[in-house]
Every structure is written in C-alpha cells, then in structure tokens.
Amino acid sequence: MEVGDPLATNWLRAPLALAFMATLSWSLGELDELAAVLQGGWRLSWILLATTLAIILGDTFYLMALRDAGVSIGYPVGYTYPLYASMFAVALLGEQVTLGLAIGLPFALAGIWTASFNPPRGLGNRKAILKGVSAAVAAGLCWGLGSVVYRVAVIATSPINVNLVKLLYLIIATSPFAWRRRLKVRRQALLLALLGGLIGLGAGDWLFYASLSMIGVAETVTLTTFSPLASLLLARLLLHEEASSRQALGASMIVAGVCIAVWL
C-alpha cells in the first residue's frame, strides 16, 4: 500500500470508523439529527470546512513536511499546533487563557521538541528542509484553525454526528485519490489501516470533539500533547524500544506541562 498519499490512506482508514460511528449514533437515537444536518445549512458547512482544514489540508501538508524535512524536524514543528489553536480560540471565539494554560502549554510543547527534535548533522538539502519546515508550519496552522471550526460545529451538532459527517465527507472526497493510485493492499496492511482508522478517526476524534464541546479549544488541544508521550510508552511496551535520556526528559516535561495547564 502506498502510504505517501494521506488522502488515499484516509480513504482506507475511514470505513470501519464510519460503521462504528453510525452504530453509535443509531444506538443513542441521534440519527434524526444526522438527517437534518445532511440536508444542508450552516451546521453542515462548519463540519465540511473543519474537515477540509484539519484533515484534507493539514494531513497533506504534514506528510509533505515529513518527506522534505524528515520526522525529526517535521514532527515537532507540526505539533506546535496547540499553540496556534489556542491563539485562534482567543482571537476568534473569545476564550480565556488561564495562568496555568499560559505556563503549561509552552512547557508541554518544549517537551515535545526535547523528545523528538533531532536534526541530522549538516541538514543536507537546506532548500528541501526549508520547504519541509514551511509545510509543517502550514499543517500546524490548518490543524489549529480546524480545531476552532470544529468547536463551532459541536456547539450546534452532537460530537457523534460531527464525526459521522466528517467520515462520510472524507470517504467521498478522498475516493478519487484512492482510485487514481489503484491501491493494491495486502490483507495485513488493510487490517491495520481499518483498525487505525477505528481508533484514530473514529473513537479518538469523537472524544476530541466531545472535549471541544465541554472544555473548549485551548484546554482540549493542550491535553492532546499527551499524544507523543503515549507513542513513546507504546513503543516501549509493544516494540521494546529503548527511550533515550532526551526522550525521557521530554516526556516528563509533557506530563508536567499538562498538569500545570489543568490544575494551576
């Protein structure tokens, strides 16, 4: 399977997540709201705009960043998006930033950089590196603004149906990219894509939208800085990878930053 095209990959990841969310919406009696949203109007428009920004554009820019600048540079630059999201939330939604959030978010982001920023010596093709960094910044901006638009969407529509509409739109919008590449997928790769989509695009995004509806953008995106820490722990537990001293320090900074943001 070609993983170089995030749009084609998301087409593979979406179906099982869609089935899960449709079942959840049906079991909770929310299909009537879904039908009303799909008839059009502002509620549908907000969801489509947020998905275009955060997933179609954001994920594409991020993959370009990884291709041109490498994981060790593209990942930490892209994942400064909670900072952009918080700034957009203050400017566009009037959210208040607490003292704990103002201290904790930069601390957690510094932890991400400490754990993952490790550029190769010489940096190679500097033009490509610069292009990759620019793409990573663009990805972060798209994710940040997309988070704010999703916050607007979940004010008027349940998080379950926001996610369900997002998945329907993703499958439709990414189908041409999948068919163009004529993906030939091995059974194991397909299973991993479906399960990854179920966890990430399905349950994970649903919980993200639910958090947006309950605690707002700034606090929600700050909590997502736990994601790199979870990756380190899973790599240790499942792949038996050894964590370097820098990664351990970065993980500690992430935990401390999130705790400060939530409890101070």
C-alpha atoms as a PDB file:
ATOM      1  CA  MET A   1       0.000   0.000   0.000  1.00  0.00           C
ATOM      2  CA  GLU A   2       1.186   3.491  -0.807  1.00  0.00           C
ATOM      3  CA  VAL A   3       1.343   5.485   2.426  1.00  0.00           C
ATOM      4  CA  GLY A   4       2.804   8.536   0.720  1.00  0.00           C
ATOM      5  CA  ASP A   5      -0.645   9.959  -0.028  1.00  0.00           C
ATOM      6  CA  PRO A   6      -2.573  10.796   3.158  1.00  0.00           C
ATOM      7  CA  LEU A   7      -5.807  11.268   1.222  1.00  0.00           C
ATOM      8  CA  ALA A   8      -5.689   7.783  -0.258  1.00  0.00           C
ATOM      9  CA  THR A   9      -4.668   6.360   3.120  1.00  0.00           C
ATOM     10  CA  ASN A  10      -7.564   8.070   4.894  1.00  0.00           C
ATOM     11  CA  TRP A  11      -9.938   6.535   2.351  1.00  0.00           C
ATOM     12  CA  LEU A  12      -8.799   3.129   3.610  1.00  0.00           C
ATOM     13  CA  ARG A  13      -8.959   4.146   7.254  1.00  0.00           C
ATOM     14  CA  ALA A  14     -12.462   5.621   7.229  1.00  0.00           C
ATOM     15  CA  PRO A  15     -14.946   2.749   6.543  1.00  0.00           C
ATOM     16  CA  LEU A  16     -14.687   0.835   9.842  1.00  0.00           C
ATOM     17  CA  ALA A  17     -14.729   4.104  11.778  1.00  0.00           C
ATOM     18  CA  LEU A  18     -17.829   5.148   9.817  1.00  0.00           C
ATOM     19  CA  ALA A  19     -19.601   1.890  10.671  1.00  0.00           C
ATOM     20  CA  PHE A  20     -18.723   2.323  14.357  1.00  0.00           C
ATOM     21  CA  MET A  21     -19.956   5.926  14.500  1.00  0.00           C
ATOM     22  CA  ALA A  22     -23.150   5.118  12.564  1.00  0.00           C
ATOM     23  CA  THR A  23     -23.909   2.310  15.030  1.00  0.00           C
ATOM     24  CA  LEU A  24     -23.236   4.641  17.947  1.00  0.00           C
ATOM     25  CA  SER A  25     -25.467   7.376  16.516  1.00  0.00           C
ATOM     26  CA  TRP A  26     -28.263   4.863  15.903  1.00  0.00           C
ATOM     27  CA  SER A  27     -27.972   3.309  19.380  1.00  0.00           C
ATOM     28  CA  LEU A  28     -28.174   6.736  21.040  1.00  0.00           C
ATOM     29  CA  GLY A  29     -31.114   7.864  18.916  1.00  0.00           C
ATOM     30  CA  GLU A  30     -29.211  10.634  17.119  1.00  0.00           C
ATOM     31  CA  LEU A  31     -29.897   9.645  13.503  1.00  0.00           C
ATOM     32  CA  ASP A  32     -32.723  12.185  13.217  1.00  0.00           C
ATOM     33  CA  GLU A  33     -30.253  14.976  13.913  1.00  0.00           C
ATOM     34  CA  LEU A  34     -27.863  13.475  11.361  1.00  0.00           C
ATOM     35  CA  ALA A  35     -30.561  13.529   8.682  1.00  0.00           C
ATOM     36  CA  ALA A  36     -31.289  17.175   9.452  1.00  0.00           C
ATOM     37  CA  VAL A  37     -27.597  18.120   9.248  1.00  0.00           C
ATOM     38  CA  LEU A  38     -27.159  16.349   5.905  1.00  0.00           C
ATOM     39  CA  GLN A  39     -29.967  18.432   4.382  1.00  0.00           C
ATOM     40  CA  GLY A  40     -27.547  21.358   4.303  1.00  0.00           C
ATOM     41  CA  GLY A  41     -27.175  24.683   6.046  1.00  0.00           C
ATOM     42  CA  TRP A  42     -24.582  26.175   8.369  1.00  0.00           C
ATOM     43  CA  ARG A  43     -24.197  23.081  10.544  1.00  0.00           C
ATOM     44  CA  LEU A  44     -23.070  21.017   7.582  1.00  0.00           C
ATOM     45  CA  SER A  45     -20.898  23.829   6.250  1.00  0.00           C
ATOM     46  CA  TRP A  46     -18.929  24.143   9.512  1.00  0.00           C
ATOM     47  CA  ILE A  47     -18.181  20.407   9.579  1.00  0.00           C
ATOM     48  CA  LEU A  48     -17.065  20.324   5.946  1.00  0.00           C
ATOM     49  CA  LEU A  49     -14.876  23.401   6.418  1.00  0.00           C
ATOM     50  CA  ALA A  50     -13.250  21.998   9.566  1.00  0.00           C
ATOM     51  CA  THR A  51     -12.558  18.645   7.913  1.00  0.00           C
ATOM     52  CA  THR A  52     -11.073  20.308   4.843  1.00  0.00           C
ATOM     53  CA  LEU A  53      -8.752  22.386   7.024  1.00  0.00           C
ATOM     54  CA  ALA A  54      -7.723  19.813   9.615  1.00  0.00           C
ATOM     55  CA  ILE A  55      -7.574  16.573   7.657  1.00  0.00           C
ATOM     56  CA  ILE A  56      -7.515  17.145   3.914  1.00  0.00           C
ATOM     57  CA  LEU A  57      -5.146  20.141   4.018  1.00  0.00           C
ATOM     58  CA  GLY A  58      -3.466  19.644   7.402  1.00  0.00           C
ATOM     59  CA  ASP A  59      -2.564  15.983   6.921  1.00  0.00           C
ATOM     60  CA  THR A  60      -1.345  16.630   3.385  1.00  0.00           C
ATOM     61  CA  PHE A  61       0.946  19.452   4.496  1.00  0.00           C
ATOM     62  CA  TYR A  62       2.224  17.284   7.333  1.00  0.00           C
ATOM     63  CA  LEU A  63       3.180  14.439   5.014  1.00  0.00           C
ATOM     64  CA  MET A  64       4.972  16.935   2.771  1.00  0.00           C
ATOM     65  CA  ALA A  65       6.865  18.124   5.855  1.00  0.00           C
ATOM     66  CA  LEU A  66       7.939  14.591   6.738  1.00  0.00           C
ATOM     67  CA  ARG A  67       9.037  13.966   3.155  1.00  0.00           C
ATOM     68  CA  ASP A  68      11.102  17.146   2.801  1.00  0.00           C
ATOM     69  CA  ALA A  69      12.369  17.816   6.330  1.00  0.00           C
ATOM     70  CA  GLY A  70      12.226  14.362   7.900  1.00  0.00           C
ATOM     71  CA  VAL A  71      10.406  13.132  11.008  1.00  0.00           C
ATOM     72  CA  SER A  72      12.909  14.621  13.464  1.00  0.00           C
ATOM     73  CA  ILE A  73      12.146  18.148  12.201  1.00  0.00           C
ATOM     74  CA  GLY A  74       8.671  17.920  10.661  1.00  0.00           C
ATOM     75  CA  TYR A  75       7.062  16.219  13.680  1.00  0.00           C
ATOM     76  CA  PRO A  76       7.956  18.744  16.422  1.00  0.00           C
ATOM     77  CA  VAL A  77       7.349  21.750  14.142  1.00  0.00           C
ATOM     78  CA  GLY A  78       3.929  20.446  13.065  1.00  0.00           C
ATOM     79  CA  TYR A  79       2.885  19.528  16.588  1.00  0.00           C
ATOM     80  CA  THR A  80       3.165  23.077  17.834  1.00  0.00           C
ATOM     81  CA  TYR A  81      -0.426  23.302  16.560  1.00  0.00           C
ATOM     82  CA  PRO A  82      -1.891  23.583  20.114  1.00  0.00           C
ATOM     83  CA  LEU A  83      -0.238  26.999  20.323  1.00  0.00           C
ATOM     84  CA  TYR A  84      -1.874  28.116  17.062  1.00  0.00           C
ATOM     85  CA  ALA A  85      -5.215  26.627  18.102  1.00  0.00           C
ATOM     86  CA  SER A  86      -5.144  28.482  21.427  1.00  0.00           C
ATOM     87  CA  MET A  87      -4.309  31.763  19.696  1.00  0.00           C
ATOM     88  CA  PHE A  88      -7.142  31.266  17.186  1.00  0.00           C
ATOM     89  CA  ALA A  89      -9.543  30.351  20.014  1.00  0.00           C
ATOM     90  CA  VAL A  90      -8.732  33.552  21.902  1.00  0.00           C
ATOM     91  CA  ALA A  91      -8.931  35.747  18.795  1.00  0.00           C
ATOM     92  CA  LEU A  92     -11.993  34.203  17.134  1.00  0.00           C
ATOM     93  CA  LEU A  93     -14.004  32.646  19.963  1.00  0.00           C
ATOM     94  CA  GLY A  94     -13.061  34.886  22.869  1.00  0.00           C
ATOM     95  CA  GLU A  95     -11.802  32.011  25.017  1.00  0.00           C
ATOM     96  CA  GLN A  96      -9.961  32.947  28.188  1.00  0.00           C
ATOM     97  CA  VAL A  97      -6.441  31.647  28.744  1.00  0.00           C
ATOM     98  CA  THR A  98      -5.742  30.808  32.391  1.00  0.00           C
ATOM     99  CA  LEU A  99      -2.368  31.281  34.053  1.00  0.00           C
ATOM    100  CA  GLY A 100      -1.921  27.509  34.186  1.00  0.00           C
ATOM    101  CA  LEU A 101      -2.600  27.192  30.477  1.00  0.00           C
ATOM    102  CA  ALA A 102      -0.239  30.053  29.624  1.00  0.00           C
ATOM    103  CA  ILE A 103       2.562  28.311  31.536  1.00  0.00           C
ATOM    104  CA  GLY A 104       1.726  24.677  30.917  1.00  0.00           C
ATOM    105  CA  LEU A 105       1.174  24.703  27.152  1.00  0.00           C
ATOM    106  CA  PRO A 106       4.609  26.141  26.227  1.00  0.00           C
ATOM    107  CA  PHE A 107       6.200  23.758  28.746  1.00  0.00           C
ATOM    108  CA  ALA A 108       4.477  20.745  27.175  1.00  0.00           C
ATOM    109  CA  LEU A 109       5.426  21.911  23.669  1.00  0.00           C
ATOM    110  CA  ALA A 110       9.034  22.297  24.822  1.00  0.00           C
ATOM    111  CA  GLY A 111       8.800  18.686  25.981  1.00  0.00           C
ATOM    112  CA  ILE A 112       7.712  17.584  22.505  1.00  0.00           C
ATOM    113  CA  TRP A 113      10.700  19.396  20.989  1.00  0.00           C
ATOM    114  CA  THR A 114      13.087  17.938  23.566  1.00  0.00           C
ATOM    115  CA  ALA A 115      11.869  14.402  22.937  1.00  0.00           C
ATOM    116  CA  SER A 116      11.681  14.478  19.146  1.00  0.00           C
ATOM    117  CA  PHE A 117      13.760  17.289  17.622  1.00  0.00           C
ATOM    118  CA  ASN A 118      16.991  15.686  16.446  1.00  0.00           C
ATOM    119  CA  PRO A 119      18.060  17.100  13.056  1.00  0.00           C
ATOM    120  CA  PRO A 120      20.803  15.222  11.201  1.00  0.00           C
ATOM    121  CA  ARG A 121      24.233  16.811  11.036  1.00  0.00           C
ATOM    122  CA  GLY A 122      24.718  19.053   8.031  1.00  0.00           C
ATOM    123  CA  LEU A 123      20.937  19.092   7.339  1.00  0.00           C
ATOM    124  CA  GLY A 124      21.557  18.016   3.734  1.00  0.00           C
ATOM    125  CA  ASN A 125      19.463  19.873   1.174  1.00  0.00           C
ATOM    126  CA  ARG A 126      18.677  23.110   3.004  1.00  0.00           C
ATOM    127  CA  LYS A 127      16.145  24.168   0.378  1.00  0.00           C
ATOM    128  CA  ALA A 128      14.182  20.970   0.922  1.00  0.00           C
ATOM    129  CA  ILE A 129      14.476  21.391   4.704  1.00  0.00           C
ATOM    130  CA  LEU A 130      13.093  24.925   4.492  1.00  0.00           C
ATOM    131  CA  LYS A 131      10.267  23.711   2.283  1.00  0.00           C
ATOM    132  CA  GLY A 132       9.507  20.951   4.772  1.00  0.00           C
ATOM    133  CA  VAL A 133       9.522  23.315   7.749  1.00  0.00           C
ATOM    134  CA  SER A 134       7.148  25.645   5.883  1.00  0.00           C
ATOM    135  CA  ALA A 135       4.828  22.709   5.198  1.00  0.00           C
ATOM    136  CA  ALA A 136       4.954  21.696   8.875  1.00  0.00           C
ATOM    137  CA  VAL A 137       4.012  25.224   9.947  1.00  0.00           C
ATOM    138  CA  ALA A 138       1.163  25.196   7.401  1.00  0.00           C
ATOM    139  CA  ALA A 139      -0.008  21.846   8.804  1.00  0.00           C
ATOM    140  CA  GLY A 140       0.005  23.234  12.334  1.00  0.00           C
ATOM    141  CA  LEU A 141      -1.964  26.301  11.261  1.00  0.00           C
ATOM    142  CA  CYS A 142      -4.537  24.149   9.442  1.00  0.00           C
ATOM    143  CA  TRP A 143      -4.915  21.811  12.442  1.00  0.00           C
ATOM    144  CA  GLY A 144      -5.190  24.769  14.795  1.00  0.00           C
ATOM    145  CA  LEU A 145      -7.812  26.623  12.772  1.00  0.00           C
ATOM    146  CA  GLY A 146      -9.616  23.359  12.052  1.00  0.00           C
ATOM    147  CA  SER A 147      -9.892  22.705  15.801  1.00  0.00           C
ATOM    148  CA  VAL A 148     -11.553  26.098  16.269  1.00  0.00           C
ATOM    149  CA  VAL A 149     -14.037  25.439  13.463  1.00  0.00           C
ATOM    150  CA  TYR A 150     -14.833  22.012  14.925  1.00  0.00           C
ATOM    151  CA  ARG A 151     -15.557  23.784  18.217  1.00  0.00           C
ATOM    152  CA  VAL A 152     -18.137  25.907  16.390  1.00  0.00           C
ATOM    153  CA  ALA A 153     -19.572  22.763  14.782  1.00  0.00           C
ATOM    154  CA  VAL A 154     -20.061  20.872  18.066  1.00  0.00           C
ATOM    155  CA  ILE A 155     -21.977  23.801  19.558  1.00  0.00           C
ATOM    156  CA  ALA A 156     -24.846  23.084  17.150  1.00  0.00           C
ATOM    157  CA  THR A 157     -24.360  19.353  16.422  1.00  0.00           C
ATOM    158  CA  SER A 158     -23.559  16.418  18.669  1.00  0.00           C
ATOM    159  CA  PRO A 159     -19.914  15.272  18.601  1.00  0.00           C
ATOM    160  CA  ILE A 160     -21.031  11.845  17.380  1.00  0.00           C
ATOM    161  CA  ASN A 161     -22.758  13.254  14.322  1.00  0.00           C
ATOM    162  CA  VAL A 162     -19.966  15.739  13.666  1.00  0.00           C
ATOM    163  CA  ASN A 163     -17.617  12.788  13.431  1.00  0.00           C
ATOM    164  CA  LEU A 164     -20.058  10.788  11.339  1.00  0.00           C
ATOM    165  CA  VAL A 165     -20.485  13.594   8.779  1.00  0.00           C
ATOM    166  CA  LYS A 166     -16.708  14.094   8.745  1.00  0.00           C
ATOM    167  CA  LEU A 167     -16.162  10.434   7.868  1.00  0.00           C
ATOM    168  CA  LEU A 168     -18.809  10.474   5.123  1.00  0.00           C
ATOM    169  CA  TYR A 169     -17.176  13.549   3.620  1.00  0.00           C
ATOM    170  CA  LEU A 170     -13.708  12.007   3.891  1.00  0.00           C
ATOM    171  CA  ILE A 171     -14.730   8.871   2.021  1.00  0.00           C
ATOM    172  CA  ILE A 172     -16.371  10.885  -0.753  1.00  0.00           C
ATOM    173  CA  ALA A 173     -13.612  13.498  -1.032  1.00  0.00           C
ATOM    174  CA  THR A 174     -10.707  11.030  -0.975  1.00  0.00           C
ATOM    175  CA  SER A 175     -12.185   8.403  -3.297  1.00  0.00           C
ATOM    176  CA  PRO A 176     -10.668   9.937  -6.474  1.00  0.00           C
ATOM    177  CA  PHE A 177      -7.190   9.875  -4.915  1.00  0.00           C
ATOM    178  CA  ALA A 178      -7.550   6.236  -3.882  1.00  0.00           C
ATOM    179  CA  TRP A 179      -8.826   5.138  -7.294  1.00  0.00           C
ATOM    180  CA  ARG A 180      -6.166   7.162  -9.089  1.00  0.00           C
ATOM    181  CA  ARG A 181      -3.447   5.262  -7.254  1.00  0.00           C
ATOM    182  CA  ARG A 182      -5.268   1.954  -7.769  1.00  0.00           C
ATOM    183  CA  LEU A 183      -4.240   0.838  -4.337  1.00  0.00           C
ATOM    184  CA  LYS A 184      -3.241  -2.781  -4.005  1.00  0.00           C
ATOM    185  CA  VAL A 185      -3.367  -3.513  -0.321  1.00  0.00           C
ATOM    186  CA  ARG A 186      -2.146  -6.587   1.471  1.00  0.00           C
ATOM    187  CA  ARG A 187      -4.575  -8.102   3.933  1.00  0.00           C
ATOM    188  CA  GLN A 188      -2.448  -7.248   6.968  1.00  0.00           C
ATOM    189  CA  ALA A 189      -1.958  -3.651   5.809  1.00  0.00           C
ATOM    190  CA  LEU A 190      -5.678  -3.262   5.191  1.00  0.00           C
ATOM    191  CA  LEU A 191      -6.466  -4.616   8.662  1.00  0.00           C
ATOM    192  CA  LEU A 192      -4.000  -2.198  10.248  1.00  0.00           C
ATOM    193  CA  ALA A 193      -5.450   0.725   8.269  1.00  0.00           C
ATOM    194  CA  LEU A 194      -9.011  -0.153   9.297  1.00  0.00           C
ATOM    195  CA  LEU A 195      -8.111  -0.638  12.965  1.00  0.00           C
ATOM    196  CA  GLY A 196      -6.018   2.520  12.976  1.00  0.00           C
ATOM    197  CA  GLY A 197      -8.936   4.420  11.476  1.00  0.00           C
ATOM    198  CA  LEU A 198     -11.346   2.962  14.023  1.00  0.00           C
ATOM    199  CA  ILE A 199      -9.155   4.148  16.882  1.00  0.00           C
ATOM    200  CA  GLY A 200      -7.939   7.449  15.382  1.00  0.00           C
ATOM    201  CA  LEU A 201     -10.636   8.772  13.042  1.00  0.00           C
ATOM    202  CA  GLY A 202     -13.433   7.030  14.936  1.00  0.00           C
ATOM    203  CA  ALA A 203     -13.123   6.826  18.717  1.00  0.00           C
ATOM    204  CA  GLY A 204     -10.219   9.260  19.059  1.00  0.00           C
ATOM    205  CA  ASP A 205     -11.750  12.082  17.033  1.00  0.00           C
ATOM    206  CA  TRP A 206     -15.158  11.555  18.651  1.00  0.00           C
ATOM    207  CA  LEU A 207     -13.612  12.021  22.103  1.00  0.00           C
ATOM    208  CA  PHE A 208     -11.683  15.051  20.798  1.00  0.00           C
ATOM    209  CA  TYR A 209     -14.900  16.695  19.573  1.00  0.00           C
ATOM    210  CA  ALA A 210     -16.638  15.828  22.834  1.00  0.00           C
ATOM    211  CA  SER A 211     -13.828  17.539  24.730  1.00  0.00           C
ATOM    212  CA  LEU A 212     -14.116  20.602  22.486  1.00  0.00           C
ATOM    213  CA  SER A 213     -17.809  20.827  23.326  1.00  0.00           C
ATOM    214  CA  MET A 214     -17.218  20.547  27.083  1.00  0.00           C
ATOM    215  CA  ILE A 215     -13.976  22.402  27.875  1.00  0.00           C
ATOM    216  CA  GLY A 216     -13.218  24.451  24.767  1.00  0.00           C
ATOM    217  CA  VAL A 217     -10.325  24.562  22.338  1.00  0.00           C
ATOM    218  CA  ALA A 218      -7.352  25.726  24.401  1.00  0.00           C
ATOM    219  CA  GLU A 219      -7.643  23.116  27.159  1.00  0.00           C
ATOM    220  CA  THR A 220      -8.504  20.309  24.737  1.00  0.00           C
ATOM    221  CA  VAL A 221      -5.530  20.851  22.435  1.00  0.00           C
ATOM    222  CA  THR A 222      -3.231  21.162  25.446  1.00  0.00           C
ATOM    223  CA  LEU A 223      -4.337  17.711  26.597  1.00  0.00           C
ATOM    224  CA  THR A 224      -3.515  16.332  23.132  1.00  0.00           C
ATOM    225  CA  THR A 225       0.171  16.999  23.821  1.00  0.00           C
ATOM    226  CA  PHE A 226      -0.008  13.689  25.692  1.00  0.00           C
ATOM    227  CA  SER A 227      -0.037  12.009  22.263  1.00  0.00           C
ATOM    228  CA  PRO A 228       3.786  11.931  21.816  1.00  0.00           C
ATOM    229  CA  LEU A 229       4.120  10.572  25.342  1.00  0.00           C
ATOM    230  CA  ALA A 230       1.648   7.810  24.529  1.00  0.00           C
ATOM    231  CA  SER A 231       3.675   6.987  21.403  1.00  0.00           C
ATOM    232  CA  LEU A 232       6.859   6.660  23.467  1.00  0.00           C
ATOM    233  CA  LEU A 233       5.141   4.394  26.001  1.00  0.00           C
ATOM    234  CA  LEU A 234       3.570   2.193  23.321  1.00  0.00           C
ATOM    235  CA  ALA A 235       6.905   1.900  21.511  1.00  0.00           C
ATOM    236  CA  ARG A 236       8.457   0.791  24.774  1.00  0.00           C
ATOM    237  CA  LEU A 237       5.714  -1.687  25.686  1.00  0.00           C
ATOM    238  CA  LEU A 238       4.904  -3.154  22.261  1.00  0.00           C
ATOM    239  CA  LEU A 239       8.115  -2.741  20.268  1.00  0.00           C
ATOM    240  CA  HIS A 240      10.561  -2.881  23.212  1.00  0.00           C
ATOM    241  CA  GLU A 241      12.281   0.287  22.033  1.00  0.00           C
ATOM    242  CA  GLU A 242      14.658   1.940  24.483  1.00  0.00           C
ATOM    243  CA  ALA A 243      13.936   5.552  25.358  1.00  0.00           C
ATOM    244  CA  SER A 244      16.877   7.949  25.291  1.00  0.00           C
ATOM    245  CA  SER A 245      17.565  10.375  28.131  1.00  0.00           C
ATOM    246  CA  ARG A 246      16.263  13.216  25.924  1.00  0.00           C
ATOM    247  CA  GLN A 247      13.020  11.344  25.280  1.00  0.00           C
ATOM    248  CA  ALA A 248      12.580  10.642  28.989  1.00  0.00           C
ATOM    249  CA  LEU A 249      13.187  14.311  29.825  1.00  0.00           C
ATOM    250  CA  GLY A 250      10.775  15.410  27.098  1.00  0.00           C
ATOM    251  CA  ALA A 251       8.108  13.012  28.363  1.00  0.00           C
ATOM    252  CA  SER A 252       8.493  14.378  31.895  1.00  0.00           C
ATOM    253  CA  MET A 253       8.136  17.936  30.587  1.00  0.00           C
ATOM    254  CA  ILE A 254       4.967  16.992  28.695  1.00  0.00           C
ATOM    255  CA  VAL A 255       3.395  15.472  31.827  1.00  0.00           C
ATOM    256  CA  ALA A 256       4.409  18.465  33.949  1.00  0.00           C
ATOM    257  CA  GLY A 257       3.130  20.952  31.371  1.00  0.00           C
ATOM    258  CA  VAL A 258      -0.260  19.285  31.064  1.00  0.00           C
ATOM    259  CA  CYS A 259      -0.610  19.009  34.857  1.00  0.00           C
ATOM    260  CA  ILE A 260       0.187  22.714  35.236  1.00  0.00           C
ATOM    261  CA  ALA A 261      -2.306  23.615  32.491  1.00  0.00           C
ATOM    262  CA  VAL A 262      -5.105  21.575  34.046  1.00  0.00           C
ATOM    263  CA  TRP A 263      -4.613  22.167  37.749  1.00  0.00           C
ATOM    264  CA  LEU A 264      -2.971  25.577  38.178  1.00  0.00           C
END
